[in-house]
Protein backbone atom coordinates (compact mmCIF):
# COMPACT_ATOMS: atom_id res chain seq x y z
CA MET A 1 -89.38 57.74 -6.03
CA THR A 2 -87.55 58.39 -2.97
CA ASN A 3 -83.67 56.80 -2.77
CA ASN A 4 -83.45 54.78 0.57
CA LYS A 5 -79.88 54.92 1.70
CA LYS A 6 -79.35 53.13 5.22
CA LEU A 7 -76.67 53.32 6.88
CA PHE A 8 -74.64 50.78 9.05
CA VAL A 9 -72.78 51.52 12.33
CA TYR A 10 -70.71 48.43 13.72
CA SER A 11 -69.54 48.49 16.73
CA ILE A 12 -66.13 45.47 16.92
CA LYS A 13 -65.60 44.43 20.48
CA ALA A 14 -61.49 43.98 21.66
CA GLN A 15 -62.56 40.36 21.61
CA THR A 16 -64.07 40.47 18.37
CA LEU A 17 -60.82 41.77 17.40
CA GLN A 18 -58.88 39.00 19.29
CA PHE A 19 -60.96 36.13 17.18
CA PHE A 20 -60.41 37.19 14.07
CA SER A 21 -56.99 37.81 14.56
CA ILE A 22 -56.66 33.76 15.48
CA VAL A 23 -58.88 33.27 12.79
CA ALA A 24 -56.05 35.08 10.47
CA LEU A 25 -53.17 33.32 11.69
CA SER A 26 -55.04 29.67 11.53
CA VAL A 27 -55.21 30.53 8.10
CA ILE A 28 -51.52 31.55 7.70
CA ALA A 29 -50.43 28.91 9.95
CA LEU A 30 -52.42 26.30 7.26
CA LEU A 31 -50.69 27.98 4.59
CA VAL A 32 -47.37 27.39 6.13
CA LEU A 33 -48.65 23.40 6.79
CA ILE A 34 -49.57 23.61 2.92
CA ALA A 35 -46.04 24.40 2.57
CA PHE A 36 -44.27 21.88 3.99
CA ILE A 37 -46.82 18.65 3.62
CA PRO A 38 -44.55 16.96 0.69
CA THR A 39 -41.78 17.14 2.73
CA TYR A 40 -43.33 15.14 5.77
CA GLU A 41 -42.48 11.52 6.06
CA PRO A 42 -45.81 9.48 6.93
CA SER A 43 -43.51 6.80 8.55
CA VAL A 44 -41.44 8.80 10.70
CA VAL A 45 -45.42 10.64 11.31
CA ASN A 46 -46.75 7.87 12.20
CA THR A 47 -44.77 6.80 14.75
CA LEU A 48 -45.39 9.77 16.70
CA TYR A 49 -48.92 8.88 16.93
CA THR A 50 -48.74 4.98 17.51
CA GLU A 51 -47.78 6.48 21.36
CA THR A 52 -51.36 7.14 21.71
CA ALA A 53 -53.12 4.01 21.24
CA ASN A 54 -54.25 4.92 24.24
CA VAL A 55 -55.50 8.13 24.03
CA ASN A 56 -59.13 8.31 24.88
CA PHE A 57 -60.75 10.32 22.18
CA SER A 58 -64.63 9.65 22.61
CA LYS A 59 -67.03 10.46 25.83
CA ILE A 60 -65.98 13.86 25.55
CA LYS A 61 -69.04 15.40 27.10
CA THR A 62 -67.58 18.09 29.77
CA ASN A 63 -65.19 20.64 29.78
CA ASP A 64 -63.21 18.90 32.30
CA ASP A 65 -63.20 15.54 29.55
CA ARG A 66 -61.49 18.20 26.85
CA VAL A 67 -59.33 19.19 29.59
CA ASP A 68 -58.34 15.66 30.88
CA PHE A 69 -58.30 14.73 26.77
CA LEU A 70 -55.45 17.66 25.97
CA GLU A 71 -53.66 16.71 29.50
CA GLN A 72 -53.23 12.88 27.93
CA PHE A 73 -51.00 14.48 25.81
CA GLY A 74 -49.05 16.89 27.95
CA TRP A 75 -50.82 19.80 27.56
CA THR A 76 -51.66 22.34 30.12
CA VAL A 77 -54.43 24.42 29.23
CA SER A 78 -56.73 27.21 30.84
CA GLU A 79 -59.57 25.96 32.47
CA THR A 80 -62.10 27.35 30.23
CA PRO A 81 -61.86 28.05 26.67
CA VAL A 82 -60.89 31.21 24.77
CA ASP A 83 -63.51 30.11 22.51
CA GLU A 84 -66.54 27.71 21.62
CA GLN A 85 -68.04 27.30 18.49
CA LYS A 86 -70.17 26.23 15.98
CA VAL A 87 -68.57 25.41 12.54
CA THR A 88 -69.59 22.89 9.68
CA ILE A 89 -67.43 21.41 7.65
CA PRO A 90 -67.69 21.95 4.28
CA LYS A 91 -69.23 18.98 1.95
CA GLU A 92 -66.44 19.90 -0.64
CA PHE A 93 -63.00 20.47 0.55
CA ASP A 94 -60.64 23.20 -1.17
CA LYS A 95 -56.45 23.08 -1.33
CA ILE A 96 -56.29 23.93 2.31
CA LEU A 97 -59.19 21.90 3.52
CA LEU A 98 -57.56 19.04 1.86
CA SER A 99 -53.93 20.09 2.90
CA TYR A 100 -55.36 20.19 6.89
CA ASN A 101 -57.55 17.13 6.62
CA GLU A 102 -53.99 15.01 5.57
CA PHE A 103 -52.28 16.44 8.69
CA GLN A 104 -55.61 15.11 10.59
CA ARG A 105 -54.85 12.20 9.02
CA GLN A 106 -51.58 11.20 9.97
CA MET A 107 -52.88 11.66 13.62
CA GLY A 108 -55.63 8.86 12.71
CA LEU A 109 -58.34 11.65 12.11
CA ASP A 110 -60.05 11.89 9.32
CA LEU A 111 -62.35 15.31 8.57
CA ALA A 112 -63.41 13.73 5.19
CA LYS A 113 -66.18 11.70 7.46
CA TYR A 114 -68.10 14.47 8.53
CA LYS A 115 -68.54 16.51 5.39
CA GLY A 116 -71.58 18.47 5.71
CA LYS A 117 -71.99 18.49 9.61
CA ASP A 118 -72.07 20.23 12.32
CA VAL A 119 -69.69 20.10 14.63
CA MET A 120 -67.85 22.26 18.24
CA ARG A 121 -64.39 23.70 17.94
CA TYR A 122 -62.83 24.75 21.50
CA THR A 123 -59.94 26.39 21.64
CA TYR A 124 -57.94 26.58 25.00
CA GLU A 125 -55.15 28.32 25.74
CA VAL A 126 -51.92 26.30 26.10
CA THR A 127 -50.22 27.28 29.20
CA ASN A 128 -47.19 24.69 29.12
CA TYR A 129 -45.50 24.85 25.28
CA PRO A 130 -42.05 24.12 25.67
CA GLU A 131 -39.09 27.24 24.38
CA TYR A 132 -42.24 29.32 22.97
CA GLU A 133 -42.63 32.11 24.54
CA GLY A 134 -46.10 33.80 22.65
CA ARG A 135 -49.40 33.00 22.27
CA VAL A 136 -50.11 29.02 21.48
CA TYR A 137 -53.84 27.29 21.17
CA ALA A 138 -55.24 23.86 21.50
CA ASN A 139 -58.26 23.59 18.98
CA VAL A 140 -60.45 20.66 19.74
CA LEU A 141 -63.38 19.34 16.79
CA ILE A 142 -65.95 17.43 18.53
CA TYR A 143 -68.72 15.83 16.75
CA ARG A 144 -71.60 13.44 19.05
CA ASN A 145 -69.00 13.59 22.54
CA LYS A 146 -65.70 12.62 20.00
CA VAL A 147 -63.15 14.23 19.10
CA ILE A 148 -62.79 13.82 15.74
CA GLY A 149 -60.04 16.59 14.72
CA GLY A 150 -58.12 19.76 16.12
CA ASP A 151 -54.68 20.62 16.55
CA ILE A 152 -51.68 22.83 18.09
CA CYS A 153 -51.28 26.18 17.08
CA SER A 154 -49.50 29.50 17.88
CA ALA A 155 -51.32 32.31 17.15
CA ASP A 156 -47.98 34.73 15.75
CA SER A 157 -47.71 35.73 12.19
CA LYS A 158 -44.61 33.10 11.82
CA GLY A 159 -47.40 30.73 13.03
CA PHE A 160 -46.59 26.93 13.50
CA LEU A 161 -49.39 23.98 13.65
CA GLN A 162 -48.69 20.88 15.11
CA GLY A 163 -50.48 17.20 16.17
CA PHE A 164 -51.54 16.97 19.45
CA VAL A 165 -48.72 14.90 20.67
CA LYS A 166 -46.04 16.71 22.12
CA GLU A 167 -43.21 16.86 20.39
CA LYS A 168 -40.15 15.79 22.07
C-alpha cells in the first residue's frame, strides 16, 4: 500500500495580504470597541444620530448610490471600492458580534434582523478623515438595496472604529 502525500503550493498576491491585513485590523478595532462600549452614554450617542433623520438608507443599488450615501455624512471616498465581498451574518452572535451589533444599534441599525442572511460588504477608502494621516476605510453592509450596517475605521494597529456620522 502506497502512502500518497500531496504537496500544496500557495501563491499570495500583495492584494490578498492587504485584504487580510484590513480584516485583522478590523478585528483589532472591534476588540478595542468592546473595551469601550460600557463607557458610551446612549443619550450622547443617540444625539449624534438624530441628525441623520433625512439620510437615505434605502434604494442603494449602484456604486454611485453607495458613494452618495457616505457623502450624506460628509465623507469623501474613493470612486470605486477597495473591496467588495459577500458575507453571511452569522445565525449566532459571539461576544464580538454582540458588541459590534450594539454599536450598530446606536446608529439605529440592527444586524440581528439579518442573522443567516448573505449581505454585500463594500469597503471604500476615506480621503477626508480629519487630523489623521493613516488609511481610513468606510465599510457599508447592503441587503436588498438597503444599508443595514457599517462603520468608519482605520487600518492601523492602533485603529479606531466609529459610526457614519462625522464626529465634530
